[in-house]
Structure formats: structure tokens, C-alpha cells
Amino acid sequence: MDQNKPVIDTSTAHPARRYNYLLGGKDNFQADRESGDELARLNPAIKIAAMENRAFLQRAVGFLAEQGIRQFVDIGTGLPTADNTHEVAQRIAPESRIVYVDNDPLVLVHARALLTSTPEGRTAYLDADLREPEKILNDPVLRETVDLTRPVGLVLVSILPFVPGDDVAGPIVRTLLDAMPSGSYLVLSHATFDTLDPEVAAQYWEMFRAGKSDIWPRTEAEFRDLFAGLELAEPGVVQVHKWRPRPDATPRADKEINNWGAVGRKP
């Protein structure tokens, strides 16, 4: 048996593969599809929300590149789709350097095969868990790719909902940002129940307690707290479809989008 070959558990739903399914991808298994379908039964607009969340990532990375950011750390990469972080950044600035971080073996296999780089820039991949931010920051792969004395774009799009518990997400975000210099940015989106009917939210918590879901939503107030000490870029904290939408964006009803999004700059 090849000890270096990643072990992929197909019997349990994984967030990255379920997200891939909700986006219409093919890199998922039966457990991921069943989990996605169960969530969709509670919230039929979940696929729309997933697509809008992905579009937010692309717009936010483009914004950072336009602000002069040339280094990105994207944690919770997910499975590659169109216009990944490095593609958006390097389209604007070919010299951009990106480190993708994930702990799903299938994501890393696909990343190494599909996420390439411009000759001027660099794309690297790191197998690590967001819940251990110090390990991410001290990993040789990250240190060889990103200069932490220069501004960095920290991308945490739809990853913190998989770190459950009260007062858990904030310390992780602060640890990561504390290692980055003034002028760095945080790109963050997060699932919320603020826009859901209370009965639907109650049913979801029953699913969570039964082990049928792994998403820990946070309120707008909790989301805002993650940007403590940062300067929010306009328009501030909004639902992801309202963050600097493109002129040709498909109109969405607010109730369809259960994700907060924002971008903040470290002064």
C-alpha cells in the first residue's frame, strides 16, 4: 500500500465535496449529495446561496488585487471550479502568489492537478486544518511562498461555519491576522440563520444535534465581531450578493441568501 496516497472517506459527507455538489460539480459522492439534498429540503435556495457565495469570493479577490495585494492565503479552498483565487488574482497581477490550504485529501489531489500558476507567480498547496492556525503560519510551504512582512489577503470564505462553538472562531481569525502586517486584508463570508424562518432554523438545529449537518451558523453581530480592529471596505457587512455586485448580476431576493460577507483591512 502506498503510504503517501491520500485516504478519501466516501462514506461521510465532507463540506468541500457537498459545496461542489451544490455548485453543480461532479467531484462528490453519494453521502455528499444526500447531505446537500437534506439541507436543500430545509432551505430550497441553498444552491443559489452557494453560487452567490462563490461569486462574492471572486469579486473580493479581484478587489484586493486592485488594491495592490499580491499574496493570498486561501484557507478552506474547496474543490477547484472556474475562477479560483489564483486565476482572479493573476489575471490582474500575474506575479501574485497564492497558498491554498485544505484538509480534504480529494481537494488536495485536484488542487495539485488543476490549480496551476502563471510563470511570474506561484501557487502552492498545504494540507492543514484551520483549527490549528499556528501550524498553518509556521508551515515551510507557506513561508516559502508568502512573505509575512508584506501585506497578505487572508481568504476565509465559508470555512468558519465548520468550526463549531461560541467564541471559537474569533481567536483563530486573530491568530492569523496577528501574523500579518498592516495593509493586509480579511475576506470573510459566513452562513447565518438571520434570514431564515425560525421554524426552519429550529429544524436545522435538530439536524445538527442528530449529526446530520456540520454547519454552525453565526449571527450578524457575531460576524461583525470577527472584524474587530479592521477597517471595513464599502459596503461593509452585507449579504454576499450585495457586496459590490456586478452590473449584470442576477437579482436575488434577500431571503434566498443566508450568508454574510465583508472585507476588512488591517490598519
C-alpha atoms as a PDB file:
ATOM      1  CA  MET A   1       0.000   0.000   0.000  1.00  0.00           C
ATOM      2  CA  ASP A   2       1.282   3.486  -0.917  1.00  0.00           C
ATOM      3  CA  GLN A   3       1.684   5.296   2.407  1.00  0.00           C
ATOM      4  CA  ASN A   4       1.662   8.671   0.614  1.00  0.00           C
ATOM      5  CA  LYS A   5      -1.607   8.061  -1.179  1.00  0.00           C
ATOM      6  CA  PRO A   6      -4.376  10.145   0.438  1.00  0.00           C
ATOM      7  CA  VAL A   7      -7.200   8.232   2.094  1.00  0.00           C
ATOM      8  CA  ILE A   8     -10.568   9.560   0.959  1.00  0.00           C
ATOM      9  CA  ASP A   9     -13.561   8.691   3.122  1.00  0.00           C
ATOM     10  CA  THR A  10     -16.538   8.477   0.767  1.00  0.00           C
ATOM     11  CA  SER A  11     -18.989   7.257   3.408  1.00  0.00           C
ATOM     12  CA  THR A  12     -19.244  10.581   5.260  1.00  0.00           C
ATOM     13  CA  ALA A  13     -20.277  13.906   3.787  1.00  0.00           C
ATOM     14  CA  HIS A  14     -17.461  16.452   3.548  1.00  0.00           C
ATOM     15  CA  PRO A  15     -18.079  20.227   3.330  1.00  0.00           C
ATOM     16  CA  ALA A  16     -15.891  20.771   0.258  1.00  0.00           C
ATOM     17  CA  ARG A  17     -17.492  17.947  -1.700  1.00  0.00           C
ATOM     18  CA  ARG A  18     -21.027  18.947  -0.643  1.00  0.00           C
ATOM     19  CA  TYR A  19     -20.285  22.525  -1.707  1.00  0.00           C
ATOM     20  CA  ASN A  20     -19.067  21.166  -5.029  1.00  0.00           C
ATOM     21  CA  TYR A  21     -22.374  19.319  -5.415  1.00  0.00           C
ATOM     22  CA  LEU A  22     -24.420  22.420  -4.567  1.00  0.00           C
ATOM     23  CA  LEU A  23     -22.453  24.354  -7.204  1.00  0.00           C
ATOM     24  CA  GLY A  24     -23.314  21.725  -9.783  1.00  0.00           C
ATOM     25  CA  GLY A  25     -19.934  19.980  -9.781  1.00  0.00           C
ATOM     26  CA  LYS A  26     -19.156  16.295 -10.236  1.00  0.00           C
ATOM     27  CA  ASP A  27     -16.441  15.781  -7.624  1.00  0.00           C
ATOM     28  CA  ASN A  28     -18.657  14.384  -4.883  1.00  0.00           C
ATOM     29  CA  PHE A  29     -20.014  11.114  -3.535  1.00  0.00           C
ATOM     30  CA  GLN A  30     -23.394   9.758  -2.509  1.00  0.00           C
ATOM     31  CA  ALA A  31     -23.006  10.858   1.113  1.00  0.00           C
ATOM     32  CA  ASP A  32     -22.232  14.418  -0.021  1.00  0.00           C
ATOM     33  CA  ARG A  33     -25.262  14.503  -2.324  1.00  0.00           C
ATOM     34  CA  GLU A  34     -27.577  13.125   0.347  1.00  0.00           C
ATOM     35  CA  SER A  35     -26.366  15.720   2.846  1.00  0.00           C
ATOM     36  CA  GLY A  36     -26.770  18.507   0.292  1.00  0.00           C
ATOM     37  CA  ASP A  37     -30.262  17.357  -0.621  1.00  0.00           C
ATOM     38  CA  GLU A  38     -31.322  17.209   3.019  1.00  0.00           C
ATOM     39  CA  LEU A  39     -30.152  20.775   3.567  1.00  0.00           C
ATOM     40  CA  ALA A  40     -31.913  21.824   0.357  1.00  0.00           C
ATOM     41  CA  ARG A  41     -35.185  20.357   1.626  1.00  0.00           C
ATOM     42  CA  LEU A  42     -34.986  22.728   4.580  1.00  0.00           C
ATOM     43  CA  ASN A  43     -33.742  25.678   2.536  1.00  0.00           C
ATOM     44  CA  PRO A  44     -34.569  25.306  -1.179  1.00  0.00           C
ATOM     45  CA  ALA A  45     -32.464  28.382  -2.015  1.00  0.00           C
ATOM     46  CA  ILE A  46     -29.252  26.855  -0.663  1.00  0.00           C
ATOM     47  CA  LYS A  47     -27.846  26.254  -4.156  1.00  0.00           C
ATOM     48  CA  ILE A  48     -28.438  29.891  -5.082  1.00  0.00           C
ATOM     49  CA  ALA A  49     -26.725  30.933  -1.861  1.00  0.00           C
ATOM     50  CA  ALA A  50     -23.746  28.715  -2.687  1.00  0.00           C
ATOM     51  CA  MET A  51     -23.375  30.266  -6.138  1.00  0.00           C
ATOM     52  CA  GLU A  52     -23.623  33.796  -4.731  1.00  0.00           C
ATOM     53  CA  ASN A  53     -21.048  32.940  -2.080  1.00  0.00           C
ATOM     54  CA  ARG A  54     -18.642  31.779  -4.785  1.00  0.00           C
ATOM     55  CA  ALA A  55     -19.261  34.943  -6.802  1.00  0.00           C
ATOM     56  CA  PHE A  56     -18.506  37.011  -3.685  1.00  0.00           C
ATOM     57  CA  LEU A  57     -15.128  35.275  -3.386  1.00  0.00           C
ATOM     58  CA  GLN A  58     -14.260  36.173  -6.959  1.00  0.00           C
ATOM     59  CA  ARG A  59     -15.276  39.826  -6.605  1.00  0.00           C
ATOM     60  CA  ALA A  60     -13.474  40.205  -3.281  1.00  0.00           C
ATOM     61  CA  VAL A  61     -10.214  38.690  -4.562  1.00  0.00           C
ATOM     62  CA  GLY A  62     -10.415  40.975  -7.588  1.00  0.00           C
ATOM     63  CA  PHE A  63     -10.889  43.951  -5.279  1.00  0.00           C
ATOM     64  CA  LEU A  64      -7.833  43.003  -3.230  1.00  0.00           C
ATOM     65  CA  ALA A  65      -5.717  42.600  -6.354  1.00  0.00           C
ATOM     66  CA  GLU A  66      -6.826  46.055  -7.478  1.00  0.00           C
ATOM     67  CA  GLN A  67      -5.721  47.403  -4.071  1.00  0.00           C
ATOM     68  CA  GLY A  68      -2.226  46.065  -4.703  1.00  0.00           C
ATOM     69  CA  ILE A  69      -2.362  42.791  -2.774  1.00  0.00           C
ATOM     70  CA  ARG A  70      -0.024  40.274  -4.404  1.00  0.00           C
ATOM     71  CA  GLN A  71      -0.078  37.496  -1.803  1.00  0.00           C
ATOM     72  CA  PHE A  72      -3.074  35.401  -0.782  1.00  0.00           C
ATOM     73  CA  VAL A  73      -3.682  32.658   1.758  1.00  0.00           C
ATOM     74  CA  ASP A  74      -6.949  30.897   0.923  1.00  0.00           C
ATOM     75  CA  ILE A  75      -7.993  28.541   3.729  1.00  0.00           C
ATOM     76  CA  GLY A  76     -10.787  26.086   3.060  1.00  0.00           C
ATOM     77  CA  THR A  77     -10.077  26.102  -0.632  1.00  0.00           C
ATOM     78  CA  GLY A  78     -12.695  23.626  -1.682  1.00  0.00           C
ATOM     79  CA  LEU A  79     -12.678  21.751  -4.954  1.00  0.00           C
ATOM     80  CA  PRO A  80     -11.482  23.716  -7.993  1.00  0.00           C
ATOM     81  CA  THR A  81     -14.133  25.387 -10.132  1.00  0.00           C
ATOM     82  CA  ALA A  82     -13.954  28.294 -12.568  1.00  0.00           C
ATOM     83  CA  ASP A  83     -12.176  31.468 -11.467  1.00  0.00           C
ATOM     84  CA  ASN A  84     -10.351  30.234  -8.401  1.00  0.00           C
ATOM     85  CA  THR A  85      -8.466  32.696  -6.222  1.00  0.00           C
ATOM     86  CA  HIS A  86      -5.200  32.423  -8.148  1.00  0.00           C
ATOM     87  CA  GLU A  87      -6.943  32.821 -11.511  1.00  0.00           C
ATOM     88  CA  VAL A  88      -8.712  36.007 -10.445  1.00  0.00           C
ATOM     89  CA  ALA A  89      -5.604  37.468  -8.792  1.00  0.00           C
ATOM     90  CA  GLN A  90      -3.136  36.523 -11.527  1.00  0.00           C
ATOM     91  CA  ARG A  91      -5.446  37.819 -14.246  1.00  0.00           C
ATOM     92  CA  ILE A  92      -4.987  41.258 -12.702  1.00  0.00           C
ATOM     93  CA  ALA A  93      -1.413  40.791 -11.434  1.00  0.00           C
ATOM     94  CA  PRO A  94       0.403  37.782 -12.941  1.00  0.00           C
ATOM     95  CA  GLU A  95       3.075  37.912 -10.237  1.00  0.00           C
ATOM     96  CA  SER A  96       0.559  37.095  -7.487  1.00  0.00           C
ATOM     97  CA  ARG A  97       1.462  34.266  -5.111  1.00  0.00           C
ATOM     98  CA  ILE A  98      -1.236  32.070  -3.577  1.00  0.00           C
ATOM     99  CA  VAL A  99      -1.215  29.398  -0.892  1.00  0.00           C
ATOM    100  CA  TYR A 100      -4.271  27.155  -0.814  1.00  0.00           C
ATOM    101  CA  VAL A 101      -4.987  25.373   2.483  1.00  0.00           C
ATOM    102  CA  ASP A 102      -7.395  22.478   2.968  1.00  0.00           C
ATOM    103  CA  ASN A 103      -7.571  19.216   4.883  1.00  0.00           C
ATOM    104  CA  ASP A 104      -9.648  17.133   2.462  1.00  0.00           C
ATOM    105  CA  PRO A 105      -7.424  14.685   0.528  1.00  0.00           C
ATOM    106  CA  LEU A 106      -9.653  14.901  -2.549  1.00  0.00           C
ATOM    107  CA  VAL A 107      -9.292  18.683  -2.624  1.00  0.00           C
ATOM    108  CA  LEU A 108      -5.505  18.425  -2.480  1.00  0.00           C
ATOM    109  CA  VAL A 109      -5.391  15.820  -5.239  1.00  0.00           C
ATOM    110  CA  HIS A 110      -7.429  18.051  -7.522  1.00  0.00           C
ATOM    111  CA  ALA A 111      -5.548  21.167  -6.493  1.00  0.00           C
ATOM    112  CA  ARG A 112      -2.181  19.736  -7.438  1.00  0.00           C
ATOM    113  CA  ALA A 113      -3.558  18.588 -10.780  1.00  0.00           C
ATOM    114  CA  LEU A 114      -5.651  21.589 -11.776  1.00  0.00           C
ATOM    115  CA  LEU A 115      -4.510  24.699  -9.923  1.00  0.00           C
ATOM    116  CA  THR A 116      -1.510  25.895 -11.882  1.00  0.00           C
ATOM    117  CA  SER A 117       0.187  29.285 -11.875  1.00  0.00           C
ATOM    118  CA  THR A 118       1.418  31.960 -14.230  1.00  0.00           C
ATOM    119  CA  PRO A 119       5.185  31.836 -14.854  1.00  0.00           C
ATOM    120  CA  GLU A 120       5.583  35.106 -12.925  1.00  0.00           C
ATOM    121  CA  GLY A 121       3.619  33.992  -9.870  1.00  0.00           C
ATOM    122  CA  ARG A 122       3.340  30.920  -7.719  1.00  0.00           C
ATOM    123  CA  THR A 123       0.597  28.619  -6.452  1.00  0.00           C
ATOM    124  CA  ALA A 124       1.229  26.288  -3.527  1.00  0.00           C
ATOM    125  CA  TYR A 125      -0.915  23.807  -1.585  1.00  0.00           C
ATOM    126  CA  LEU A 126      -0.897  22.993   2.088  1.00  0.00           C
ATOM    127  CA  ASP A 127      -2.613  20.115   3.893  1.00  0.00           C
ATOM    128  CA  ALA A 128      -3.666  21.684   7.178  1.00  0.00           C
ATOM    129  CA  ASP A 129      -6.641  22.390   9.436  1.00  0.00           C
ATOM    130  CA  LEU A 130      -7.963  25.886  10.152  1.00  0.00           C
ATOM    131  CA  ARG A 131      -8.370  24.901  13.804  1.00  0.00           C
ATOM    132  CA  GLU A 132      -4.556  24.840  14.064  1.00  0.00           C
ATOM    133  CA  PRO A 133      -3.655  28.312  12.753  1.00  0.00           C
ATOM    134  CA  GLU A 134      -0.134  28.282  14.219  1.00  0.00           C
ATOM    135  CA  LYS A 135       0.719  25.185  12.183  1.00  0.00           C
ATOM    136  CA  ILE A 136      -0.510  26.904   9.031  1.00  0.00           C
ATOM    137  CA  LEU A 137       1.532  30.022   9.729  1.00  0.00           C
ATOM    138  CA  ASN A 138       4.707  28.085  10.500  1.00  0.00           C
ATOM    139  CA  ASP A 139       4.489  25.582   7.679  1.00  0.00           C
ATOM    140  CA  PRO A 140       7.546  25.724   5.363  1.00  0.00           C
ATOM    141  CA  VAL A 141       5.311  25.693   2.262  1.00  0.00           C
ATOM    142  CA  LEU A 142       3.576  28.868   3.367  1.00  0.00           C
ATOM    143  CA  ARG A 143       6.813  30.523   4.485  1.00  0.00           C
ATOM    144  CA  GLU A 144       8.474  29.754   1.142  1.00  0.00           C
ATOM    145  CA  THR A 145       5.566  31.185  -0.828  1.00  0.00           C
ATOM    146  CA  VAL A 146       4.340  34.153   1.195  1.00  0.00           C
ATOM    147  CA  ASP A 147       6.401  36.941   2.763  1.00  0.00           C
ATOM    148  CA  LEU A 148       4.619  37.722   6.032  1.00  0.00           C
ATOM    149  CA  THR A 149       6.376  41.085   6.277  1.00  0.00           C
ATOM    150  CA  ARG A 150       4.338  42.257   3.273  1.00  0.00           C
ATOM    151  CA  PRO A 151       0.523  42.623   3.067  1.00  0.00           C
ATOM    152  CA  VAL A 152      -1.456  39.427   2.587  1.00  0.00           C
ATOM    153  CA  GLY A 153      -5.027  38.723   1.536  1.00  0.00           C
ATOM    154  CA  LEU A 154      -6.438  36.202   4.021  1.00  0.00           C
ATOM    155  CA  VAL A 155      -9.413  34.431   2.440  1.00  0.00           C
ATOM    156  CA  LEU A 156     -11.816  32.588   4.761  1.00  0.00           C
ATOM    157  CA  VAL A 157     -14.859  32.052   2.581  1.00  0.00           C
ATOM    158  CA  SER A 158     -17.469  29.675   4.041  1.00  0.00           C
ATOM    159  CA  ILE A 159     -14.935  27.832   6.194  1.00  0.00           C
ATOM    160  CA  LEU A 160     -15.604  29.166   9.715  1.00  0.00           C
ATOM    161  CA  PRO A 161     -19.118  27.598   9.849  1.00  0.00           C
ATOM    162  CA  PHE A 162     -17.271  24.270  10.118  1.00  0.00           C
ATOM    163  CA  VAL A 163     -15.583  25.412  13.330  1.00  0.00           C
ATOM    164  CA  PRO A 164     -18.488  24.977  15.759  1.00  0.00           C
ATOM    165  CA  GLY A 165     -18.946  26.642  19.109  1.00  0.00           C
ATOM    166  CA  ASP A 166     -19.307  30.031  20.736  1.00  0.00           C
ATOM    167  CA  ASP A 167     -16.196  32.232  20.991  1.00  0.00           C
ATOM    168  CA  VAL A 168     -14.178  29.775  18.893  1.00  0.00           C
ATOM    169  CA  ALA A 169     -13.879  31.488  15.501  1.00  0.00           C
ATOM    170  CA  GLY A 170     -12.575  34.829  16.799  1.00  0.00           C
ATOM    171  CA  PRO A 171      -9.301  33.545  18.299  1.00  0.00           C
ATOM    172  CA  ILE A 172      -8.499  31.671  15.069  1.00  0.00           C
ATOM    173  CA  VAL A 173      -9.008  34.772  12.944  1.00  0.00           C
ATOM    174  CA  ARG A 174      -6.993  36.938  15.340  1.00  0.00           C
ATOM    175  CA  THR A 175      -4.098  34.461  15.415  1.00  0.00           C
ATOM    176  CA  LEU A 176      -3.889  34.511  11.629  1.00  0.00           C
ATOM    177  CA  LEU A 177      -4.222  38.276  11.304  1.00  0.00           C
ATOM    178  CA  ASP A 178      -1.749  38.976  14.115  1.00  0.00           C
ATOM    179  CA  ALA A 179       0.927  37.282  11.989  1.00  0.00           C
ATOM    180  CA  MET A 180       0.218  39.587   9.040  1.00  0.00           C
ATOM    181  CA  PRO A 181       1.369  43.187   8.662  1.00  0.00           C
ATOM    182  CA  SER A 182      -0.537  46.439   8.319  1.00  0.00           C
ATOM    183  CA  GLY A 183      -2.228  46.682   4.943  1.00  0.00           C
ATOM    184  CA  SER A 184      -3.330  43.038   4.956  1.00  0.00           C
ATOM    185  CA  TYR A 185      -6.969  42.190   4.249  1.00  0.00           C
ATOM    186  CA  LEU A 186      -9.507  39.699   5.546  1.00  0.00           C
ATOM    187  CA  VAL A 187     -12.090  38.318   3.102  1.00  0.00           C
ATOM    188  CA  LEU A 188     -14.793  36.531   5.057  1.00  0.00           C
ATOM    189  CA  SER A 189     -18.192  35.007   4.431  1.00  0.00           C
ATOM    190  CA  HIS A 190     -20.273  33.002   6.860  1.00  0.00           C
ATOM    191  CA  ALA A 191     -23.537  31.082   6.968  1.00  0.00           C
ATOM    192  CA  THR A 192     -26.281  32.617   9.092  1.00  0.00           C
ATOM    193  CA  PHE A 193     -29.817  31.861  10.172  1.00  0.00           C
ATOM    194  CA  ASP A 194     -30.667  35.548  10.457  1.00  0.00           C
ATOM    195  CA  THR A 195     -32.553  35.337   7.160  1.00  0.00           C
ATOM    196  CA  LEU A 196     -34.299  32.013   7.797  1.00  0.00           C
ATOM    197  CA  ASP A 197     -37.772  31.387   9.131  1.00  0.00           C
ATOM    198  CA  PRO A 198     -37.457  30.467  12.844  1.00  0.00           C
ATOM    199  CA  GLU A 199     -39.204  27.135  12.267  1.00  0.00           C
ATOM    200  CA  VAL A 200     -36.692  26.229   9.557  1.00  0.00           C
ATOM    201  CA  ALA A 201     -33.826  27.237  11.829  1.00  0.00           C
ATOM    202  CA  ALA A 202     -35.217  25.054  14.612  1.00  0.00           C
ATOM    203  CA  GLN A 203     -35.428  22.070  12.254  1.00  0.00           C
ATOM    204  CA  TYR A 204     -31.850  22.671  11.193  1.00  0.00           C
ATOM    205  CA  TRP A 205     -30.599  22.609  14.811  1.00  0.00           C
ATOM    206  CA  GLU A 206     -32.350  19.256  15.216  1.00  0.00           C
ATOM    207  CA  MET A 207     -30.332  18.029  12.217  1.00  0.00           C
ATOM    208  CA  PHE A 208     -27.133  19.382  13.743  1.00  0.00           C
ATOM    209  CA  ARG A 209     -27.756  17.684  17.092  1.00  0.00           C
ATOM    210  CA  ALA A 210     -28.526  14.438  15.259  1.00  0.00           C
ATOM    211  CA  GLY A 211     -25.207  14.635  13.437  1.00  0.00           C
ATOM    212  CA  LYS A 212     -26.842  15.188  10.039  1.00  0.00           C
ATOM    213  CA  SER A 213     -25.214  18.575   9.458  1.00  0.00           C
ATOM    214  CA  ASP A 214     -21.872  20.142  10.332  1.00  0.00           C
ATOM    215  CA  ILE A 215     -22.672  23.820   9.722  1.00  0.00           C
ATOM    216  CA  TRP A 216     -22.526  26.175  12.716  1.00  0.00           C
ATOM    217  CA  PRO A 217     -24.233  29.437  11.699  1.00  0.00           C
ATOM    218  CA  ARG A 218     -23.406  32.770  13.294  1.00  0.00           C
ATOM    219  CA  THR A 219     -25.423  35.952  13.668  1.00  0.00           C
ATOM    220  CA  GLU A 220     -24.643  39.303  12.071  1.00  0.00           C
ATOM    221  CA  ALA A 221     -23.321  40.545  15.420  1.00  0.00           C
ATOM    222  CA  GLU A 222     -21.010  37.538  15.769  1.00  0.00           C
ATOM    223  CA  PHE A 223     -19.849  38.014  12.184  1.00  0.00           C
ATOM    224  CA  ARG A 224     -19.094  41.712  12.774  1.00  0.00           C
ATOM    225  CA  ASP A 225     -17.040  40.814  15.838  1.00  0.00           C
ATOM    226  CA  LEU A 226     -14.654  38.865  13.593  1.00  0.00           C
ATOM    227  CA  PHE A 227     -13.653  42.178  12.004  1.00  0.00           C
ATOM    228  CA  ALA A 228     -12.751  43.843  15.305  1.00  0.00           C
ATOM    229  CA  GLY A 229      -9.912  46.313  14.750  1.00  0.00           C
ATOM    230  CA  LEU A 230     -10.196  46.204  10.954  1.00  0.00           C
ATOM    231  CA  GLU A 231     -11.343  48.913   8.550  1.00  0.00           C
ATOM    232  CA  LEU A 232     -14.332  47.611   6.603  1.00  0.00           C
ATOM    233  CA  ALA A 233     -14.339  48.224   2.869  1.00  0.00           C
ATOM    234  CA  GLU A 234     -17.581  49.571   1.449  1.00  0.00           C
ATOM    235  CA  PRO A 235     -20.352  48.489   1.661  1.00  0.00           C
ATOM    236  CA  GLY A 236     -19.407  46.908   4.990  1.00  0.00           C
ATOM    237  CA  VAL A 237     -21.187  43.826   6.328  1.00  0.00           C
ATOM    238  CA  VAL A 238     -23.907  42.757   3.903  1.00  0.00           C
ATOM    239  CA  GLN A 239     -25.369  39.603   2.452  1.00  0.00           C
ATOM    240  CA  VAL A 240     -22.859  38.293  -0.062  1.00  0.00           C
ATOM    241  CA  HIS A 241     -24.934  39.143  -3.139  1.00  0.00           C
ATOM    242  CA  LYS A 242     -24.921  42.815  -2.062  1.00  0.00           C
ATOM    243  CA  TRP A 243     -21.142  43.139  -1.756  1.00  0.00           C
ATOM    244  CA  ARG A 244     -20.099  45.209  -4.797  1.00  0.00           C
ATOM    245  CA  PRO A 245     -22.378  43.317  -7.215  1.00  0.00           C
ATOM    246  CA  ARG A 246     -21.575  43.424 -10.892  1.00  0.00           C
ATOM    247  CA  PRO A 247     -23.974  45.460 -13.070  1.00  0.00           C
ATOM    248  CA  ASP A 248     -25.158  42.313 -14.862  1.00  0.00           C
ATOM    249  CA  ALA A 249     -25.725  40.318 -11.639  1.00  0.00           C
ATOM    250  CA  THR A 250     -28.893  38.222 -11.435  1.00  0.00           C
ATOM    251  CA  PRO A 251     -31.326  39.853  -8.986  1.00  0.00           C
ATOM    252  CA  ARG A 252     -31.749  37.835  -5.785  1.00  0.00           C
ATOM    253  CA  ALA A 253     -34.271  38.033  -3.002  1.00  0.00           C
ATOM    254  CA  ASP A 254     -32.621  38.697   0.359  1.00  0.00           C
ATOM    255  CA  LYS A 255     -34.367  35.697   1.902  1.00  0.00           C
ATOM    256  CA  GLU A 256     -32.559  33.418  -0.579  1.00  0.00           C
ATOM    257  CA  ILE A 257     -29.088  34.359   0.650  1.00  0.00           C
ATOM    258  CA  ASN A 258     -28.142  33.098   4.104  1.00  0.00           C
ATOM    259  CA  ASN A 259     -24.509  34.269   4.041  1.00  0.00           C
ATOM    260  CA  TRP A 260     -22.931  37.405   5.438  1.00  0.00           C
ATOM    261  CA  GLY A 261     -19.899  38.778   3.634  1.00  0.00           C
ATOM    262  CA  ALA A 262     -17.366  41.546   4.186  1.00  0.00           C
ATOM    263  CA  VAL A 263     -13.794  42.627   3.503  1.00  0.00           C
ATOM    264  CA  GLY A 264     -11.662  44.361   6.125  1.00  0.00           C
ATOM    265  CA  ARG A 265      -8.207  45.997   6.043  1.00  0.00           C
ATOM    266  CA  LYS A 266      -5.724  45.755   8.896  1.00  0.00           C
ATOM    267  CA  PRO A 267      -4.613  49.318   9.736  1.00  0.00           C
END
